[in-house]
N, C-alpha and C. Protein backbone atom coordinates (compact mmCIF):
# COMPACT_ATOMS: atom_id res chain seq x y z
N MET A 1 -24.67 -16.44 9.88
CA MET A 1 -24.49 -17.89 9.81
C MET A 1 -25.83 -18.56 9.58
N LYS A 2 -25.90 -19.39 8.53
CA LYS A 2 -27.15 -20.07 8.21
C LYS A 2 -27.39 -21.20 9.20
N GLY A 3 -28.64 -21.33 9.61
CA GLY A 3 -29.00 -22.40 10.53
C GLY A 3 -29.13 -23.74 9.83
N THR A 4 -29.56 -24.73 10.57
CA THR A 4 -29.69 -26.10 10.05
C THR A 4 -31.07 -26.63 10.37
N LEU A 5 -31.78 -27.11 9.36
CA LEU A 5 -33.12 -27.67 9.54
C LEU A 5 -33.04 -29.19 9.50
N ILE A 6 -33.37 -29.81 10.62
CA ILE A 6 -33.34 -31.27 10.74
C ILE A 6 -34.75 -31.76 11.03
N VAL A 7 -35.22 -32.67 10.21
CA VAL A 7 -36.60 -33.16 10.31
C VAL A 7 -36.64 -34.62 10.74
N PHE A 8 -37.61 -34.93 11.58
CA PHE A 8 -37.87 -36.31 12.00
C PHE A 8 -39.27 -36.68 11.51
N ASP A 9 -39.36 -37.72 10.72
CA ASP A 9 -40.67 -38.09 10.17
C ASP A 9 -40.78 -39.61 10.11
N GLY A 10 -41.96 -40.10 9.77
CA GLY A 10 -42.16 -41.53 9.70
C GLY A 10 -43.57 -41.91 10.11
N VAL A 11 -43.83 -43.19 10.06
CA VAL A 11 -45.16 -43.71 10.37
C VAL A 11 -45.55 -43.39 11.81
N ASP A 12 -46.84 -43.26 12.08
CA ASP A 12 -47.32 -42.99 13.43
C ASP A 12 -46.83 -44.08 14.38
N GLY A 13 -46.38 -43.67 15.56
CA GLY A 13 -45.91 -44.63 16.55
C GLY A 13 -44.43 -44.95 16.45
N SER A 14 -43.74 -44.33 15.49
CA SER A 14 -42.32 -44.65 15.28
C SER A 14 -41.39 -43.95 16.26
N GLY A 15 -41.92 -43.03 17.05
CA GLY A 15 -41.09 -42.40 18.08
C GLY A 15 -40.46 -41.07 17.69
N LYS A 16 -41.09 -40.35 16.78
CA LYS A 16 -40.54 -39.08 16.31
C LYS A 16 -40.33 -38.08 17.46
N GLY A 17 -41.38 -37.90 18.25
CA GLY A 17 -41.28 -36.95 19.35
C GLY A 17 -40.20 -37.31 20.35
N THR A 18 -40.10 -38.60 20.64
CA THR A 18 -39.07 -39.08 21.56
C THR A 18 -37.68 -38.80 21.01
N MET A 19 -37.48 -39.04 19.72
CA MET A 19 -36.16 -38.83 19.13
C MET A 19 -35.81 -37.36 18.98
N VAL A 20 -36.80 -36.51 18.82
CA VAL A 20 -36.53 -35.07 18.82
C VAL A 20 -35.98 -34.67 20.18
N ARG A 21 -36.59 -35.18 21.24
CA ARG A 21 -36.11 -34.86 22.60
C ARG A 21 -34.73 -35.45 22.85
N GLU A 22 -34.51 -36.67 22.36
CA GLU A 22 -33.20 -37.30 22.52
C GLU A 22 -32.12 -36.51 21.76
N ALA A 23 -32.45 -36.08 20.55
CA ALA A 23 -31.50 -35.29 19.76
C ALA A 23 -31.19 -33.96 20.44
N HIS A 24 -32.22 -33.38 21.04
CA HIS A 24 -32.04 -32.13 21.78
C HIS A 24 -31.02 -32.32 22.90
N GLN A 25 -31.20 -33.37 23.69
CA GLN A 25 -30.28 -33.65 24.79
C GLN A 25 -28.87 -33.93 24.27
N PHE A 26 -28.79 -34.63 23.16
CA PHE A 26 -27.49 -34.93 22.55
C PHE A 26 -26.75 -33.64 22.18
N LEU A 27 -27.46 -32.71 21.56
CA LEU A 27 -26.84 -31.46 21.15
C LEU A 27 -26.37 -30.65 22.37
N LEU A 28 -27.19 -30.64 23.41
CA LEU A 28 -26.79 -29.93 24.63
C LEU A 28 -25.53 -30.54 25.23
N GLN A 29 -25.47 -31.87 25.23
CA GLN A 29 -24.30 -32.55 25.77
C GLN A 29 -23.04 -32.28 24.94
N LYS A 30 -23.26 -31.99 23.66
CA LYS A 30 -22.14 -31.67 22.78
C LYS A 30 -21.72 -30.20 22.87
N GLY A 31 -22.40 -29.45 23.72
CA GLY A 31 -22.02 -28.07 23.93
C GLY A 31 -22.79 -27.02 23.17
N VAL A 32 -23.83 -27.44 22.44
CA VAL A 32 -24.66 -26.46 21.74
C VAL A 32 -25.51 -25.74 22.78
N LEU A 33 -25.52 -24.41 22.74
CA LEU A 33 -26.27 -23.64 23.72
C LEU A 33 -27.78 -23.79 23.51
N PRO A 34 -28.55 -23.85 24.58
CA PRO A 34 -30.02 -24.01 24.47
C PRO A 34 -30.67 -22.99 23.55
N GLU A 35 -30.19 -21.76 23.61
CA GLU A 35 -30.80 -20.70 22.79
C GLU A 35 -30.50 -20.86 21.30
N ASN A 36 -29.60 -21.77 20.97
CA ASN A 36 -29.26 -22.01 19.56
C ASN A 36 -29.98 -23.23 18.99
N ILE A 37 -30.96 -23.74 19.75
CA ILE A 37 -31.73 -24.90 19.29
C ILE A 37 -33.22 -24.55 19.33
N LEU A 38 -33.93 -24.89 18.27
CA LEU A 38 -35.38 -24.71 18.24
C LEU A 38 -36.04 -26.07 18.09
N LEU A 39 -36.91 -26.41 19.04
CA LEU A 39 -37.73 -27.62 18.94
C LEU A 39 -39.10 -27.21 18.44
N THR A 40 -39.56 -27.85 17.38
CA THR A 40 -40.85 -27.49 16.83
C THR A 40 -41.51 -28.72 16.21
N ALA A 41 -42.77 -28.58 15.83
CA ALA A 41 -43.51 -29.74 15.32
C ALA A 41 -44.66 -29.29 14.43
N GLU A 42 -45.09 -30.20 13.58
CA GLU A 42 -46.29 -30.01 12.77
C GLU A 42 -47.25 -31.19 12.97
N PRO A 43 -48.54 -30.95 13.00
CA PRO A 43 -49.21 -29.66 12.96
C PRO A 43 -48.77 -28.78 14.15
N THR A 44 -48.76 -27.48 13.93
CA THR A 44 -48.35 -26.56 14.99
C THR A 44 -49.51 -26.33 15.96
N ARG A 45 -49.27 -25.47 16.93
CA ARG A 45 -50.33 -25.11 17.87
C ARG A 45 -51.05 -23.83 17.45
N GLY A 46 -50.77 -23.41 16.21
CA GLY A 46 -51.44 -22.23 15.68
C GLY A 46 -52.86 -22.52 15.23
N TYR A 47 -53.50 -21.52 14.65
CA TYR A 47 -54.90 -21.64 14.23
C TYR A 47 -55.12 -22.81 13.29
N PHE A 48 -54.31 -22.89 12.22
CA PHE A 48 -54.50 -23.95 11.22
C PHE A 48 -54.10 -25.31 11.78
N GLY A 49 -53.07 -25.33 12.61
CA GLY A 49 -52.64 -26.57 13.22
C GLY A 49 -53.73 -27.16 14.10
N LYS A 50 -54.42 -26.30 14.84
CA LYS A 50 -55.52 -26.77 15.69
C LYS A 50 -56.66 -27.32 14.84
N LYS A 51 -56.91 -26.69 13.69
CA LYS A 51 -57.95 -27.17 12.79
C LYS A 51 -57.60 -28.56 12.24
N VAL A 52 -56.31 -28.77 11.97
CA VAL A 52 -55.85 -30.07 11.50
C VAL A 52 -56.13 -31.13 12.56
N ARG A 53 -55.78 -30.82 13.81
CA ARG A 53 -55.96 -31.79 14.90
C ARG A 53 -57.45 -32.09 15.11
N GLU A 54 -58.28 -31.08 14.97
CA GLU A 54 -59.72 -31.30 15.11
C GLU A 54 -60.21 -32.26 14.02
N LEU A 55 -59.69 -32.09 12.82
CA LEU A 55 -60.10 -32.94 11.70
C LEU A 55 -59.61 -34.37 11.92
N LEU A 56 -58.39 -34.51 12.43
CA LEU A 56 -57.84 -35.84 12.70
C LEU A 56 -58.64 -36.56 13.79
N ASP A 57 -59.12 -35.80 14.76
CA ASP A 57 -59.87 -36.39 15.88
C ASP A 57 -61.32 -36.68 15.53
N SER A 58 -61.78 -36.15 14.38
CA SER A 58 -63.21 -36.24 14.05
C SER A 58 -63.63 -37.59 13.46
N GLN A 59 -62.62 -38.41 13.06
CA GLN A 59 -62.89 -39.72 12.47
C GLN A 59 -63.64 -39.64 11.14
N ILE A 60 -63.52 -38.52 10.43
CA ILE A 60 -64.14 -38.43 9.11
C ILE A 60 -63.33 -39.25 8.11
N ASN A 61 -63.93 -39.57 6.99
CA ASN A 61 -63.25 -40.35 5.96
C ASN A 61 -62.20 -39.47 5.27
N PRO A 62 -60.90 -39.77 5.45
CA PRO A 62 -59.87 -38.91 4.87
C PRO A 62 -59.88 -38.89 3.35
N ASN A 63 -60.31 -39.99 2.73
CA ASN A 63 -60.33 -40.04 1.27
C ASN A 63 -61.39 -39.11 0.67
N LEU A 64 -62.42 -38.81 1.45
CA LEU A 64 -63.47 -37.91 0.97
C LEU A 64 -63.17 -36.46 1.32
N ASN A 65 -62.11 -36.24 2.08
CA ASN A 65 -61.78 -34.88 2.52
C ASN A 65 -60.31 -34.56 2.25
N ALA A 66 -59.77 -35.15 1.19
CA ALA A 66 -58.35 -35.00 0.87
C ALA A 66 -57.95 -33.54 0.67
N GLN A 67 -58.74 -32.80 -0.09
CA GLN A 67 -58.39 -31.41 -0.37
C GLN A 67 -58.44 -30.57 0.90
N GLN A 68 -59.40 -30.86 1.77
CA GLN A 68 -59.50 -30.12 3.03
C GLN A 68 -58.27 -30.35 3.90
N PHE A 69 -57.84 -31.61 3.98
CA PHE A 69 -56.62 -31.93 4.73
C PHE A 69 -55.42 -31.20 4.13
N LEU A 70 -55.27 -31.27 2.82
CA LEU A 70 -54.13 -30.64 2.15
C LEU A 70 -54.11 -29.14 2.38
N ASP A 71 -55.27 -28.50 2.22
CA ASP A 71 -55.35 -27.05 2.41
C ASP A 71 -54.93 -26.64 3.82
N LEU A 72 -55.40 -27.38 4.81
CA LEU A 72 -55.08 -27.04 6.20
C LEU A 72 -53.61 -27.29 6.51
N TYR A 73 -53.09 -28.42 6.05
CA TYR A 73 -51.67 -28.72 6.29
C TYR A 73 -50.78 -27.66 5.64
N LEU A 74 -51.11 -27.27 4.42
CA LEU A 74 -50.30 -26.27 3.72
C LEU A 74 -50.37 -24.92 4.40
N ALA A 75 -51.57 -24.52 4.82
CA ALA A 75 -51.72 -23.24 5.49
C ALA A 75 -50.93 -23.23 6.80
N ASP A 76 -50.99 -24.34 7.52
CA ASP A 76 -50.25 -24.46 8.77
C ASP A 76 -48.75 -24.43 8.51
N ARG A 77 -48.30 -25.14 7.48
CA ARG A 77 -46.86 -25.19 7.18
C ARG A 77 -46.34 -23.83 6.73
N LYS A 78 -47.09 -23.13 5.91
CA LYS A 78 -46.64 -21.82 5.46
C LYS A 78 -46.48 -20.86 6.64
N GLU A 79 -47.43 -20.89 7.56
CA GLU A 79 -47.35 -20.06 8.75
C GLU A 79 -46.16 -20.47 9.61
N HIS A 80 -45.95 -21.76 9.73
CA HIS A 80 -44.83 -22.31 10.50
C HIS A 80 -43.50 -21.84 9.92
N VAL A 81 -43.39 -21.94 8.60
CA VAL A 81 -42.16 -21.55 7.91
C VAL A 81 -41.88 -20.06 8.10
N GLU A 82 -42.91 -19.25 7.91
CA GLU A 82 -42.73 -17.80 8.00
C GLU A 82 -42.44 -17.31 9.41
N LYS A 83 -43.14 -17.85 10.38
CA LYS A 83 -43.03 -17.35 11.74
C LYS A 83 -41.93 -17.99 12.58
N GLU A 84 -41.58 -19.24 12.27
CA GLU A 84 -40.60 -19.94 13.10
C GLU A 84 -39.36 -20.40 12.36
N ILE A 85 -39.55 -21.15 11.28
CA ILE A 85 -38.40 -21.78 10.63
C ILE A 85 -37.46 -20.79 9.97
N ILE A 86 -37.97 -19.90 9.15
CA ILE A 86 -37.10 -18.94 8.46
C ILE A 86 -36.38 -18.02 9.46
N PRO A 87 -37.06 -17.45 10.47
CA PRO A 87 -36.33 -16.64 11.45
C PRO A 87 -35.25 -17.42 12.20
N ALA A 88 -35.54 -18.68 12.52
CA ALA A 88 -34.56 -19.50 13.24
C ALA A 88 -33.35 -19.82 12.36
N LEU A 89 -33.60 -20.09 11.09
CA LEU A 89 -32.51 -20.33 10.16
C LEU A 89 -31.64 -19.08 10.00
N ALA A 90 -32.30 -17.94 9.91
CA ALA A 90 -31.57 -16.67 9.76
C ALA A 90 -30.72 -16.37 10.99
N ALA A 91 -31.18 -16.86 12.15
CA ALA A 91 -30.45 -16.63 13.40
C ALA A 91 -29.37 -17.68 13.63
N GLY A 92 -29.22 -18.62 12.69
CA GLY A 92 -28.18 -19.62 12.81
C GLY A 92 -28.49 -20.77 13.74
N LYS A 93 -29.76 -21.00 14.02
CA LYS A 93 -30.14 -22.05 14.97
C LYS A 93 -30.22 -23.43 14.33
N ILE A 94 -30.12 -24.44 15.17
CA ILE A 94 -30.36 -25.82 14.75
C ILE A 94 -31.83 -26.11 15.05
N ILE A 95 -32.59 -26.44 14.02
CA ILE A 95 -34.02 -26.68 14.19
C ILE A 95 -34.28 -28.19 14.17
N LEU A 96 -34.93 -28.68 15.21
CA LEU A 96 -35.34 -30.08 15.27
C LEU A 96 -36.86 -30.10 15.10
N CYS A 97 -37.32 -30.59 13.97
CA CYS A 97 -38.74 -30.51 13.63
C CYS A 97 -39.39 -31.89 13.56
N ASP A 98 -40.44 -32.08 14.33
CA ASP A 98 -41.22 -33.31 14.35
C ASP A 98 -42.28 -33.21 13.25
N ARG A 99 -42.05 -33.87 12.14
CA ARG A 99 -42.86 -33.86 10.92
C ARG A 99 -42.64 -32.58 10.12
N TYR A 100 -42.74 -32.76 8.79
CA TYR A 100 -42.63 -31.62 7.88
C TYR A 100 -43.34 -32.02 6.59
N LYS A 101 -42.83 -31.62 5.46
CA LYS A 101 -43.53 -31.85 4.19
C LYS A 101 -43.66 -33.32 3.84
N TYR A 102 -42.79 -34.16 4.36
CA TYR A 102 -42.76 -35.58 3.97
C TYR A 102 -44.06 -36.30 4.34
N SER A 103 -44.61 -35.96 5.49
CA SER A 103 -45.89 -36.55 5.88
C SER A 103 -46.99 -36.18 4.89
N THR A 104 -46.97 -34.94 4.44
CA THR A 104 -47.97 -34.49 3.47
C THR A 104 -47.83 -35.25 2.16
N PHE A 105 -46.60 -35.41 1.69
CA PHE A 105 -46.39 -36.13 0.44
C PHE A 105 -46.89 -37.57 0.55
N VAL A 106 -46.65 -38.21 1.69
CA VAL A 106 -47.07 -39.60 1.86
C VAL A 106 -48.58 -39.71 2.06
N TYR A 107 -49.10 -38.99 3.05
CA TYR A 107 -50.51 -39.15 3.41
C TYR A 107 -51.46 -38.59 2.36
N GLN A 108 -51.20 -37.37 1.89
CA GLN A 108 -52.15 -36.77 0.95
C GLN A 108 -52.07 -37.40 -0.44
N GLN A 109 -50.90 -37.94 -0.80
CA GLN A 109 -50.84 -38.66 -2.07
C GLN A 109 -51.67 -39.94 -1.98
N LEU A 110 -51.66 -40.59 -0.82
CA LEU A 110 -52.48 -41.78 -0.63
C LEU A 110 -53.97 -41.44 -0.63
N GLN A 111 -54.28 -40.18 -0.32
CA GLN A 111 -55.67 -39.73 -0.37
C GLN A 111 -56.11 -39.38 -1.79
N GLY A 112 -55.19 -39.48 -2.73
CA GLY A 112 -55.55 -39.23 -4.12
C GLY A 112 -55.08 -37.90 -4.69
N ILE A 113 -54.33 -37.11 -3.92
CA ILE A 113 -53.80 -35.84 -4.44
C ILE A 113 -52.57 -36.14 -5.30
N PRO A 114 -52.51 -35.66 -6.54
CA PRO A 114 -51.36 -35.92 -7.42
C PRO A 114 -50.05 -35.41 -6.83
N LEU A 115 -48.99 -36.20 -6.99
CA LEU A 115 -47.67 -35.84 -6.47
C LEU A 115 -47.21 -34.49 -6.98
N GLU A 116 -47.39 -34.25 -8.27
CA GLU A 116 -46.93 -32.99 -8.88
C GLU A 116 -47.62 -31.78 -8.24
N LYS A 117 -48.89 -31.93 -7.93
CA LYS A 117 -49.62 -30.83 -7.29
C LYS A 117 -49.04 -30.53 -5.92
N ILE A 118 -48.74 -31.57 -5.15
CA ILE A 118 -48.18 -31.37 -3.82
C ILE A 118 -46.80 -30.72 -3.92
N GLN A 119 -46.00 -31.16 -4.91
CA GLN A 119 -44.67 -30.59 -5.10
C GLN A 119 -44.76 -29.10 -5.44
N ASN A 120 -45.68 -28.74 -6.32
CA ASN A 120 -45.82 -27.34 -6.72
C ASN A 120 -46.21 -26.46 -5.54
N LEU A 121 -47.04 -26.99 -4.65
CA LEU A 121 -47.49 -26.22 -3.49
C LEU A 121 -46.37 -25.98 -2.48
N HIS A 122 -45.30 -26.75 -2.56
CA HIS A 122 -44.19 -26.60 -1.62
C HIS A 122 -43.01 -25.81 -2.19
N GLU A 123 -43.16 -25.32 -3.39
CA GLU A 123 -42.07 -24.55 -4.00
C GLU A 123 -41.75 -23.32 -3.15
N GLY A 124 -40.47 -23.09 -2.94
CA GLY A 124 -40.04 -21.93 -2.18
C GLY A 124 -39.90 -22.16 -0.68
N MET A 125 -40.39 -23.29 -0.20
CA MET A 125 -40.25 -23.59 1.23
C MET A 125 -38.85 -24.14 1.51
N PRO A 126 -38.32 -23.91 2.72
CA PRO A 126 -36.98 -24.40 3.05
C PRO A 126 -36.85 -25.91 2.87
N VAL A 127 -35.74 -26.31 2.28
CA VAL A 127 -35.44 -27.74 2.13
C VAL A 127 -34.58 -28.15 3.32
N PRO A 128 -34.98 -29.18 4.06
CA PRO A 128 -34.20 -29.60 5.23
C PRO A 128 -32.76 -29.99 4.86
N ASP A 129 -31.86 -29.76 5.79
CA ASP A 129 -30.47 -30.15 5.59
C ASP A 129 -30.28 -31.64 5.87
N LEU A 130 -31.15 -32.19 6.68
CA LEU A 130 -31.06 -33.59 7.06
C LEU A 130 -32.45 -34.09 7.46
N VAL A 131 -32.80 -35.27 6.99
CA VAL A 131 -34.11 -35.85 7.31
C VAL A 131 -33.92 -37.26 7.87
N PHE A 132 -34.48 -37.50 9.03
CA PHE A 132 -34.50 -38.84 9.60
C PHE A 132 -35.89 -39.43 9.38
N ILE A 133 -35.96 -40.56 8.68
CA ILE A 133 -37.22 -41.27 8.54
C ILE A 133 -37.15 -42.47 9.49
N LEU A 134 -37.98 -42.46 10.51
CA LEU A 134 -38.00 -43.55 11.48
C LEU A 134 -38.90 -44.66 10.95
N ASP A 135 -38.29 -45.78 10.63
CA ASP A 135 -39.03 -46.89 10.01
C ASP A 135 -39.39 -47.94 11.06
N LEU A 136 -40.65 -48.37 11.01
CA LEU A 136 -41.16 -49.33 11.97
C LEU A 136 -42.22 -50.19 11.30
N SER A 137 -42.25 -51.48 11.62
CA SER A 137 -43.29 -52.35 11.05
C SER A 137 -44.66 -51.88 11.53
N VAL A 138 -45.67 -52.16 10.75
CA VAL A 138 -47.03 -51.75 11.09
C VAL A 138 -47.50 -52.42 12.38
N ASP A 139 -47.15 -53.70 12.56
CA ASP A 139 -47.53 -54.40 13.79
C ASP A 139 -46.97 -53.69 15.02
N ALA A 140 -45.68 -53.33 14.96
CA ALA A 140 -45.04 -52.65 16.09
C ALA A 140 -45.64 -51.27 16.29
N ALA A 141 -45.93 -50.58 15.19
CA ALA A 141 -46.51 -49.24 15.29
C ALA A 141 -47.89 -49.30 15.95
N LEU A 142 -48.70 -50.26 15.55
CA LEU A 142 -50.05 -50.38 16.11
C LEU A 142 -50.02 -50.72 17.60
N LYS A 143 -49.05 -51.52 18.00
CA LYS A 143 -48.91 -51.84 19.43
C LYS A 143 -48.61 -50.58 20.23
N ARG A 144 -47.74 -49.73 19.68
CA ARG A 144 -47.40 -48.48 20.37
C ARG A 144 -48.60 -47.53 20.39
N ILE A 145 -49.30 -47.45 19.26
CA ILE A 145 -50.45 -46.56 19.16
C ILE A 145 -51.55 -46.99 20.13
N ALA A 146 -51.69 -48.32 20.33
CA ALA A 146 -52.74 -48.85 21.20
C ALA A 146 -52.58 -48.41 22.65
N ARG A 147 -51.38 -47.99 23.02
CA ARG A 147 -51.15 -47.54 24.39
C ARG A 147 -51.73 -46.16 24.65
N ARG A 148 -52.06 -45.46 23.57
CA ARG A 148 -52.64 -44.13 23.72
C ARG A 148 -54.11 -44.23 24.11
N LYS A 149 -54.66 -43.13 24.59
CA LYS A 149 -56.07 -43.12 24.98
C LYS A 149 -56.99 -43.10 23.78
N LYS A 150 -56.53 -42.54 22.66
CA LYS A 150 -57.37 -42.48 21.47
C LYS A 150 -56.50 -42.57 20.23
N THR A 151 -57.10 -42.94 19.12
CA THR A 151 -56.38 -42.99 17.86
C THR A 151 -56.92 -41.94 16.91
N GLU A 152 -56.10 -41.60 15.92
CA GLU A 152 -56.51 -40.62 14.93
C GLU A 152 -57.03 -41.34 13.69
N VAL A 153 -57.61 -40.58 12.80
CA VAL A 153 -58.30 -41.13 11.65
C VAL A 153 -57.38 -41.95 10.74
N PHE A 154 -56.09 -41.63 10.69
CA PHE A 154 -55.18 -42.32 9.79
C PHE A 154 -54.58 -43.60 10.40
N GLU A 155 -54.82 -43.83 11.68
CA GLU A 155 -54.12 -44.91 12.37
C GLU A 155 -54.86 -46.26 12.29
N HIS A 156 -54.90 -46.81 11.08
CA HIS A 156 -55.54 -48.10 10.85
C HIS A 156 -54.62 -48.95 9.99
N ARG A 157 -54.65 -50.27 10.21
CA ARG A 157 -53.64 -51.16 9.64
C ARG A 157 -53.42 -51.00 8.13
N ARG A 158 -54.45 -51.16 7.33
CA ARG A 158 -54.27 -51.14 5.87
C ARG A 158 -53.69 -49.82 5.40
N PHE A 159 -54.17 -48.75 6.01
CA PHE A 159 -53.66 -47.44 5.62
C PHE A 159 -52.20 -47.28 6.06
N LEU A 160 -51.89 -47.71 7.28
CA LEU A 160 -50.52 -47.59 7.78
C LEU A 160 -49.53 -48.39 6.95
N GLU A 161 -49.97 -49.53 6.44
CA GLU A 161 -49.09 -50.33 5.59
C GLU A 161 -48.70 -49.54 4.33
N LYS A 162 -49.67 -48.85 3.76
CA LYS A 162 -49.39 -48.02 2.58
C LYS A 162 -48.53 -46.82 2.96
N VAL A 163 -48.78 -46.27 4.14
CA VAL A 163 -47.99 -45.12 4.62
C VAL A 163 -46.53 -45.51 4.76
N ARG A 164 -46.28 -46.67 5.36
CA ARG A 164 -44.89 -47.11 5.54
C ARG A 164 -44.18 -47.22 4.19
N ILE A 165 -44.85 -47.81 3.21
CA ILE A 165 -44.26 -47.94 1.88
C ILE A 165 -43.98 -46.55 1.30
N GLY A 166 -44.92 -45.63 1.52
CA GLY A 166 -44.74 -44.27 1.02
C GLY A 166 -43.50 -43.60 1.59
N PHE A 167 -43.26 -43.78 2.88
CA PHE A 167 -42.07 -43.19 3.49
C PHE A 167 -40.79 -43.84 2.94
N LEU A 168 -40.84 -45.16 2.72
CA LEU A 168 -39.66 -45.85 2.22
C LEU A 168 -39.32 -45.45 0.78
N GLU A 169 -40.28 -44.87 0.07
CA GLU A 169 -40.05 -44.45 -1.31
C GLU A 169 -39.63 -42.98 -1.44
N LEU A 170 -39.46 -42.31 -0.30
CA LEU A 170 -39.18 -40.87 -0.35
C LEU A 170 -37.86 -40.51 -1.01
N GLN A 171 -36.88 -41.40 -0.93
CA GLN A 171 -35.60 -41.09 -1.59
C GLN A 171 -35.77 -40.99 -3.10
N ARG A 172 -36.72 -41.72 -3.63
CA ARG A 172 -37.00 -41.63 -5.06
C ARG A 172 -37.68 -40.30 -5.38
N VAL A 173 -38.55 -39.85 -4.47
CA VAL A 173 -39.27 -38.59 -4.67
C VAL A 173 -38.34 -37.38 -4.49
N PHE A 174 -37.41 -37.51 -3.54
CA PHE A 174 -36.48 -36.41 -3.25
C PHE A 174 -35.03 -36.89 -3.38
N PRO A 175 -34.58 -37.21 -4.59
CA PRO A 175 -33.25 -37.79 -4.78
C PRO A 175 -32.09 -36.87 -4.38
N LYS A 176 -32.33 -35.57 -4.32
CA LYS A 176 -31.25 -34.63 -4.00
C LYS A 176 -31.19 -34.28 -2.51
N GLU A 177 -32.14 -34.79 -1.74
CA GLU A 177 -32.17 -34.47 -0.31
C GLU A 177 -31.49 -35.55 0.51
N GLU A 178 -30.94 -35.14 1.65
CA GLU A 178 -30.23 -36.08 2.51
C GLU A 178 -31.24 -36.74 3.46
N ILE A 179 -31.67 -37.93 3.10
CA ILE A 179 -32.66 -38.68 3.87
C ILE A 179 -32.00 -39.92 4.45
N VAL A 180 -32.08 -40.07 5.76
CA VAL A 180 -31.48 -41.21 6.45
C VAL A 180 -32.59 -42.04 7.09
N PHE A 181 -32.62 -43.32 6.76
CA PHE A 181 -33.61 -44.21 7.34
C PHE A 181 -33.06 -44.85 8.61
N ILE A 182 -33.87 -44.83 9.65
CA ILE A 182 -33.47 -45.34 10.95
C ILE A 182 -34.41 -46.48 11.36
N ASP A 183 -33.85 -47.58 11.82
CA ASP A 183 -34.65 -48.71 12.31
C ASP A 183 -35.21 -48.34 13.68
N ALA A 184 -36.49 -47.97 13.71
CA ALA A 184 -37.11 -47.50 14.95
C ALA A 184 -37.62 -48.63 15.83
N SER A 185 -37.36 -49.89 15.43
CA SER A 185 -37.82 -51.02 16.25
C SER A 185 -36.86 -51.29 17.40
N ARG A 186 -35.69 -50.71 17.34
CA ARG A 186 -34.69 -50.94 18.38
C ARG A 186 -35.00 -50.10 19.62
N SER A 187 -34.20 -50.28 20.65
CA SER A 187 -34.44 -49.56 21.90
C SER A 187 -34.20 -48.06 21.71
N ILE A 188 -34.76 -47.27 22.61
CA ILE A 188 -34.56 -45.82 22.55
C ILE A 188 -33.08 -45.49 22.55
N LYS A 189 -32.31 -46.18 23.38
CA LYS A 189 -30.87 -45.92 23.47
C LYS A 189 -30.18 -46.21 22.15
N GLU A 190 -30.54 -47.32 21.51
CA GLU A 190 -29.92 -47.70 20.24
C GLU A 190 -30.29 -46.73 19.12
N VAL A 191 -31.56 -46.39 19.05
CA VAL A 191 -32.01 -45.46 18.00
C VAL A 191 -31.38 -44.08 18.21
N SER A 192 -31.35 -43.64 19.45
CA SER A 192 -30.76 -42.34 19.77
C SER A 192 -29.27 -42.31 19.43
N SER A 193 -28.58 -43.42 19.71
CA SER A 193 -27.16 -43.50 19.42
C SER A 193 -26.89 -43.40 17.93
N ARG A 194 -27.71 -44.07 17.14
CA ARG A 194 -27.55 -44.03 15.68
C ARG A 194 -27.78 -42.61 15.16
N ILE A 195 -28.81 -41.96 15.67
CA ILE A 195 -29.10 -40.58 15.26
C ILE A 195 -27.98 -39.65 15.69
N GLY A 196 -27.46 -39.87 16.90
CA GLY A 196 -26.35 -39.05 17.38
C GLY A 196 -25.12 -39.16 16.50
N THR A 197 -24.85 -40.35 16.01
CA THR A 197 -23.70 -40.56 15.12
C THR A 197 -23.86 -39.76 13.83
N VAL A 198 -25.06 -39.79 13.27
CA VAL A 198 -25.33 -39.05 12.03
C VAL A 198 -25.25 -37.54 12.28
N LEU A 199 -25.82 -37.09 13.40
CA LEU A 199 -25.78 -35.66 13.74
C LEU A 199 -24.35 -35.18 13.93
N SER A 200 -23.54 -35.97 14.59
CA SER A 200 -22.13 -35.59 14.83
C SER A 200 -21.40 -35.35 13.53
N ALA A 201 -21.64 -36.26 12.57
CA ALA A 201 -20.97 -36.13 11.27
C ALA A 201 -21.50 -34.94 10.49
N LYS A 202 -22.82 -34.75 10.52
CA LYS A 202 -23.43 -33.67 9.75
C LYS A 202 -23.06 -32.31 10.29
N LEU A 203 -23.08 -32.16 11.62
CA LEU A 203 -22.85 -30.86 12.25
C LEU A 203 -21.41 -30.67 12.69
N GLU A 204 -20.57 -31.69 12.44
CA GLU A 204 -19.16 -31.65 12.82
C GLU A 204 -18.99 -31.34 14.31
N LEU A 205 -19.70 -32.10 15.13
CA LEU A 205 -19.66 -31.89 16.58
C LEU A 205 -18.52 -32.69 17.21
């Protein structure tokens, strides 16, 4: 039985991690066994994922290090796919993934990497069965980010405004993929309920 890859992506501060946990609880309540669900995220906690986080925390100019970011993200994703995602899909699991290729397409394209190049580098990687893009205004996102102890290099207003537009244009970039936009400005309960409705229909729960 083939598994299901479900991705949560969107602008920083939109609540991706929270909604992954909410979706996990929803699936458990619907009777899905814990061992049949994989919670995962990118960047991973592997070697390349740690390098990505170090780069994000370094406050270097992302536009001057676009290729370095892309190389690290791709290396981390390939390892993630080989070691976690493909085995979980083969085992018939439901995978809830916090970020995937969509962040790379949005962020690295804004850094000046051509779209076609990014697409070519992702050939052969699993295509998600369902993608939730959590949409949030930049003002609201910045307020949420400000509650953290530190910010990352990409978390600045002008850049985030472009990032949000990039996420909203993903259906044009991936016209054959099932991408659902979610209003992340609403309460956790409301956002979770909307996601649960979509999951129920997709997974026939």
